[in-house]
Protein backbone atom coordinates (compact mmCIF):
# COMPACT_ATOMS: atom_id res chain seq x y z
CA UNK A 1 -0.15 0.10 0.06
CA UNK A 2 1.53 3.37 -1.05
CA UNK A 3 1.92 5.90 1.72
CA UNK A 4 1.95 9.70 1.60
CA UNK A 5 3.20 10.35 5.08
CA UNK A 6 5.89 8.84 7.51
CA UNK A 7 5.36 5.95 9.64
CA UNK A 8 6.78 6.07 13.28
CA UNK A 9 6.52 2.92 15.30
CA UNK A 10 6.79 2.94 19.11
CA UNK A 11 6.93 -0.68 20.57
CA UNK A 12 7.77 -1.99 24.09
CA UNK A 13 6.41 -4.18 26.97
CA UNK A 14 3.30 -3.54 28.95
CA UNK A 15 3.65 -0.35 31.04
CA UNK A 16 6.66 1.16 29.24
CA UNK A 17 4.61 4.24 28.23
CA UNK A 18 4.09 3.50 24.56
CA UNK A 19 0.60 4.69 24.28
CA UNK A 20 1.06 7.91 26.32
CA UNK A 21 4.49 8.68 24.30
CA UNK A 22 3.01 7.78 21.12
CA UNK A 23 -0.13 10.13 21.33
CA UNK A 24 2.16 13.05 22.52
CA UNK A 25 4.55 12.37 19.63
CA UNK A 26 1.64 12.31 17.15
CA UNK A 27 0.32 15.56 18.42
CA UNK A 28 3.78 17.23 18.18
CA UNK A 29 4.42 16.09 14.65
CA UNK A 30 0.81 16.57 13.39
CA UNK A 31 0.17 12.74 12.47
CA UNK A 32 -2.68 10.43 13.38
CA UNK A 33 -2.05 8.23 16.54
CA UNK A 34 -2.94 4.32 16.59
CA UNK A 35 -2.83 2.28 19.58
CA UNK A 36 -2.84 -1.28 18.05
CA UNK A 37 -3.49 -2.89 21.57
CA UNK A 38 -6.98 -1.56 21.43
CA UNK A 39 -7.89 -3.84 18.75
CA UNK A 40 -6.53 -7.00 20.44
CA UNK A 41 -8.49 -5.76 23.56
CA UNK A 42 -11.67 -5.26 21.48
CA UNK A 43 -11.34 -8.85 20.08
CA UNK A 44 -11.03 -10.18 23.44
CA UNK A 45 -14.01 -8.04 24.76
CA UNK A 46 -16.24 -8.98 21.82
CA UNK A 47 -15.24 -12.86 22.32
CA UNK A 48 -16.21 -12.61 25.89
CA UNK A 49 -19.50 -10.71 25.10
CA UNK A 50 -20.51 -13.21 22.40
CA UNK A 51 -19.28 -16.55 24.15
CA UNK A 52 -16.62 -17.11 21.59
CA UNK A 53 -14.05 -19.56 22.84
CA UNK A 54 -10.64 -17.94 23.31
CA UNK A 55 -9.24 -21.28 22.02
CA UNK A 56 -10.95 -20.98 18.65
CA UNK A 57 -8.59 -18.82 16.40
CA UNK A 58 -10.91 -18.81 13.32
CA UNK A 59 -13.76 -17.28 15.29
CA UNK A 60 -11.40 -14.85 16.90
CA UNK A 61 -9.99 -13.88 13.61
CA UNK A 62 -13.51 -13.38 12.22
CA UNK A 63 -14.12 -10.86 15.11
CA UNK A 64 -11.00 -9.11 14.21
CA UNK A 65 -11.88 -8.72 10.51
CA UNK A 66 -15.19 -7.18 11.30
CA UNK A 67 -15.44 -4.05 9.05
CA UNK A 68 -17.29 -2.11 11.76
CA UNK A 69 -14.44 -2.88 14.27
CA UNK A 70 -12.26 0.34 13.88
CA UNK A 71 -9.79 2.63 15.79
CA UNK A 72 -10.60 6.44 15.63
CA UNK A 73 -7.87 8.31 17.55
CA UNK A 74 -7.60 6.83 20.92
CA UNK A 75 -10.99 4.96 20.85
CA UNK A 76 -12.06 1.73 19.58
CA UNK A 77 -15.45 1.50 18.00
CA UNK A 78 -17.68 -1.45 17.13
CA UNK A 79 -20.00 0.27 14.72
CA UNK A 80 -21.70 3.05 16.69
CA UNK A 81 -20.61 1.52 20.05
CA UNK A 82 -17.60 3.03 21.69
CA UNK A 83 -15.73 0.10 23.40
CA UNK A 84 -12.74 1.99 24.89
CA UNK A 85 -13.81 1.95 28.53
CA UNK A 86 -14.98 -1.61 28.38
CA UNK A 87 -11.71 -2.96 26.90
CA UNK A 88 -9.62 -1.88 29.98
CA UNK A 89 -11.54 -3.91 32.35
CA UNK A 90 -9.48 -6.54 34.58
CA UNK A 91 -11.19 -9.49 32.82
CA UNK A 92 -9.73 -8.34 29.38
CA UNK A 93 -6.17 -8.09 31.00
CA UNK A 94 -6.43 -11.55 32.22
CA UNK A 95 -7.47 -12.86 28.81
CA UNK A 96 -5.41 -10.61 26.49
CA UNK A 97 -2.65 -13.04 25.84
CA UNK A 98 -4.84 -15.85 24.94
CA UNK A 99 -6.20 -13.63 22.03
CA UNK A 100 -2.75 -11.89 20.99
CA UNK A 101 -0.79 -15.22 20.85
CA UNK A 102 -3.16 -16.44 18.02
CA UNK A 103 -1.45 -16.20 14.64
CA UNK A 104 -4.66 -16.04 12.79
CA UNK A 105 -5.78 -12.98 15.10
CA UNK A 106 -2.40 -11.17 14.54
CA UNK A 107 -2.65 -11.49 10.71
CA UNK A 108 -6.20 -10.05 10.85
CA UNK A 109 -5.39 -7.29 12.99
CA UNK A 110 -2.15 -6.44 11.20
CA UNK A 111 -3.91 -6.21 7.81
CA UNK A 112 -6.46 -3.76 9.49
CA UNK A 113 -3.38 -1.73 11.02
CA UNK A 114 -1.68 -1.35 7.71
CA UNK A 115 -4.76 0.20 6.13
CA UNK A 116 -4.43 3.04 8.65
CA UNK A 117 -1.03 4.20 7.58
CA UNK A 118 -1.64 5.58 4.24
CA UNK A 119 -1.25 9.28 5.27
CA UNK A 120 1.40 8.51 7.75
CA UNK A 121 0.89 7.43 11.43
CA UNK A 122 2.43 7.12 14.80
CA UNK A 123 1.69 3.61 16.07
CA UNK A 124 2.14 2.00 19.36
CA UNK A 125 2.28 -1.80 19.90
CA UNK A 126 4.62 -4.61 20.53
CA UNK A 127 5.42 -5.98 17.03
CA UNK A 128 4.77 -2.81 14.99
CA UNK A 129 8.37 -2.17 14.08
CA UNK A 130 9.24 -5.89 13.42
CA UNK A 131 6.27 -7.29 11.69
CA UNK A 132 3.55 -4.72 10.84
CA UNK A 133 5.81 -2.18 9.49
CA UNK A 134 9.25 -3.43 9.16
CA UNK A 135 9.98 -0.74 6.58
CA UNK A 136 8.78 2.24 8.78
CA UNK A 137 10.50 5.44 8.57
CA UNK A 138 11.50 5.46 12.31
CA UNK A 139 11.52 2.82 14.83
CA UNK A 140 11.54 3.16 18.66
CA UNK A 141 11.43 0.76 21.50
CA UNK A 142 10.66 1.69 24.98
CA UNK A 143 12.06 -0.14 28.07
CA UNK A 144 11.56 0.23 31.79
CA UNK A 145 12.23 -2.03 34.88
CA UNK A 146 9.25 -4.29 35.98
CA UNK A 147 9.11 -2.09 39.20
CA UNK A 148 8.64 1.14 37.19
CA UNK A 149 5.97 -0.38 34.87
CA UNK A 150 3.90 -1.80 37.69
CA UNK A 151 4.12 1.67 39.45
CA UNK A 152 2.86 3.40 36.31
CA UNK A 153 0.05 0.79 35.57
CA UNK A 154 -1.19 1.12 39.27
CA UNK A 155 -1.25 5.02 38.81
CA UNK A 156 -3.19 4.50 35.62
CA UNK A 157 -5.66 2.21 37.24
CA UNK A 158 -6.20 4.68 40.32
CA UNK A 159 -6.73 7.61 37.65
CA UNK A 160 -9.60 5.45 36.28
CA UNK A 161 -10.88 5.04 39.97
CA UNK A 162 -10.13 1.18 39.77
CA UNK A 163 -8.54 -0.80 42.60
CA UNK A 164 -4.72 -1.25 42.15
CA UNK A 165 -3.24 -4.19 44.04
CA UNK A 166 0.50 -3.85 43.36
CA UNK A 167 1.37 -7.50 44.20
CA UNK A 168 -1.21 -8.78 41.73
CA UNK A 169 -0.16 -6.38 39.14
CA UNK A 170 3.46 -7.47 39.42
CA UNK A 171 2.32 -11.09 38.71
CA UNK A 172 0.12 -9.92 35.87
CA UNK A 173 2.77 -7.69 34.17
CA UNK A 174 5.50 -10.40 34.71
CA UNK A 175 3.09 -13.06 33.13
CA UNK A 176 2.42 -10.74 30.27
CA UNK A 177 6.25 -10.31 29.61
CA UNK A 178 6.77 -13.91 29.64
CA UNK A 179 3.77 -14.38 27.15
CA UNK A 180 4.83 -11.58 24.88
CA UNK A 181 8.43 -12.54 24.63
CA UNK A 182 8.13 -16.28 24.42
CA UNK A 183 5.23 -16.52 22.01
CA UNK A 184 6.21 -18.35 18.74
CA UNK A 185 4.75 -15.63 16.37
CA UNK A 186 5.78 -12.08 16.58
CA UNK A 187 7.60 -12.15 20.00
CA UNK A 188 8.24 -8.95 21.75
CA UNK A 189 11.75 -7.67 20.82
CA UNK A 190 13.23 -4.52 19.47
CA UNK A 191 13.74 -4.24 15.67
CA UNK A 192 17.51 -4.36 14.69
CA UNK A 193 17.28 -0.78 13.60
CA UNK A 194 15.09 0.60 16.41
CA UNK A 195 16.32 3.38 18.70
CA UNK A 196 16.00 1.66 22.36
CA UNK A 197 14.91 4.15 24.98
CA UNK A 198 15.15 3.39 28.69
CA UNK A 199 12.30 5.29 30.20
CA UNK A 200 13.06 4.52 33.98
CA UNK A 201 12.77 7.64 35.84
CA UNK A 202 12.45 9.63 32.77
CA UNK A 203 9.56 12.19 32.59
CA UNK A 204 7.01 11.34 29.68
CA UNK A 205 7.88 14.76 28.11
CA UNK A 206 11.50 14.14 28.00
CA UNK A 207 10.90 10.83 26.08
CA UNK A 208 8.64 12.55 23.73
CA UNK A 209 11.25 15.35 23.05
CA UNK A 210 14.01 12.71 22.32
CA UNK A 211 11.73 10.91 19.65
CA UNK A 212 10.70 14.20 18.15
CA UNK A 213 14.21 15.44 18.04
CA UNK A 214 15.33 12.17 16.43
CA UNK A 215 12.71 12.44 13.68
CA UNK A 216 13.13 15.95 12.84
CA UNK A 217 16.82 15.86 12.96
CA UNK A 218 16.82 12.85 10.30
CA UNK A 219 14.10 14.65 8.31
CA UNK A 220 16.38 17.52 7.32
């Protein structure tokens, strides 16, 4: 698919700050922002709502391919229904790896993601720079310690008024890390040509500044 604008990928593990950083970078550069994780969450939510088995890859892929399942900015829609709030429920977190580990689901979602990049995009995810857009103009990979990522995730939950037990979150994030890095299809890892940024103790705006400066410097 021909593109008329730049593609910037920002990958990393859960809690590394991908979505928040990507959204700010997109605003600074005047590009659309896409959080690929919203589509995986939406498929998990629709599967649970409709009683689709999380072990049925064909049925899950069919949900991912629904034309009405779309990302609009930082929201995910099922037709006229805004699923954004629903897809962040704890039940979705517990079942997300079962959905995202299915190759058929990943292929269906990747096709949808590629259609969103025609005019350029800043896209956050886990395999955007390695699988979805291996030819991206700029690739970044954010890292942070487990402790820092759990702290951020707990703060995120608290802002939404949800309970945040750090012990259970540490277990959940550790489990997600293992599932993401050990899956046979599109395991979590930096692209060979990605700029790796350690965000431990670094304010969000400084990470954004570093990425924007890198893009603008190499655009001259």
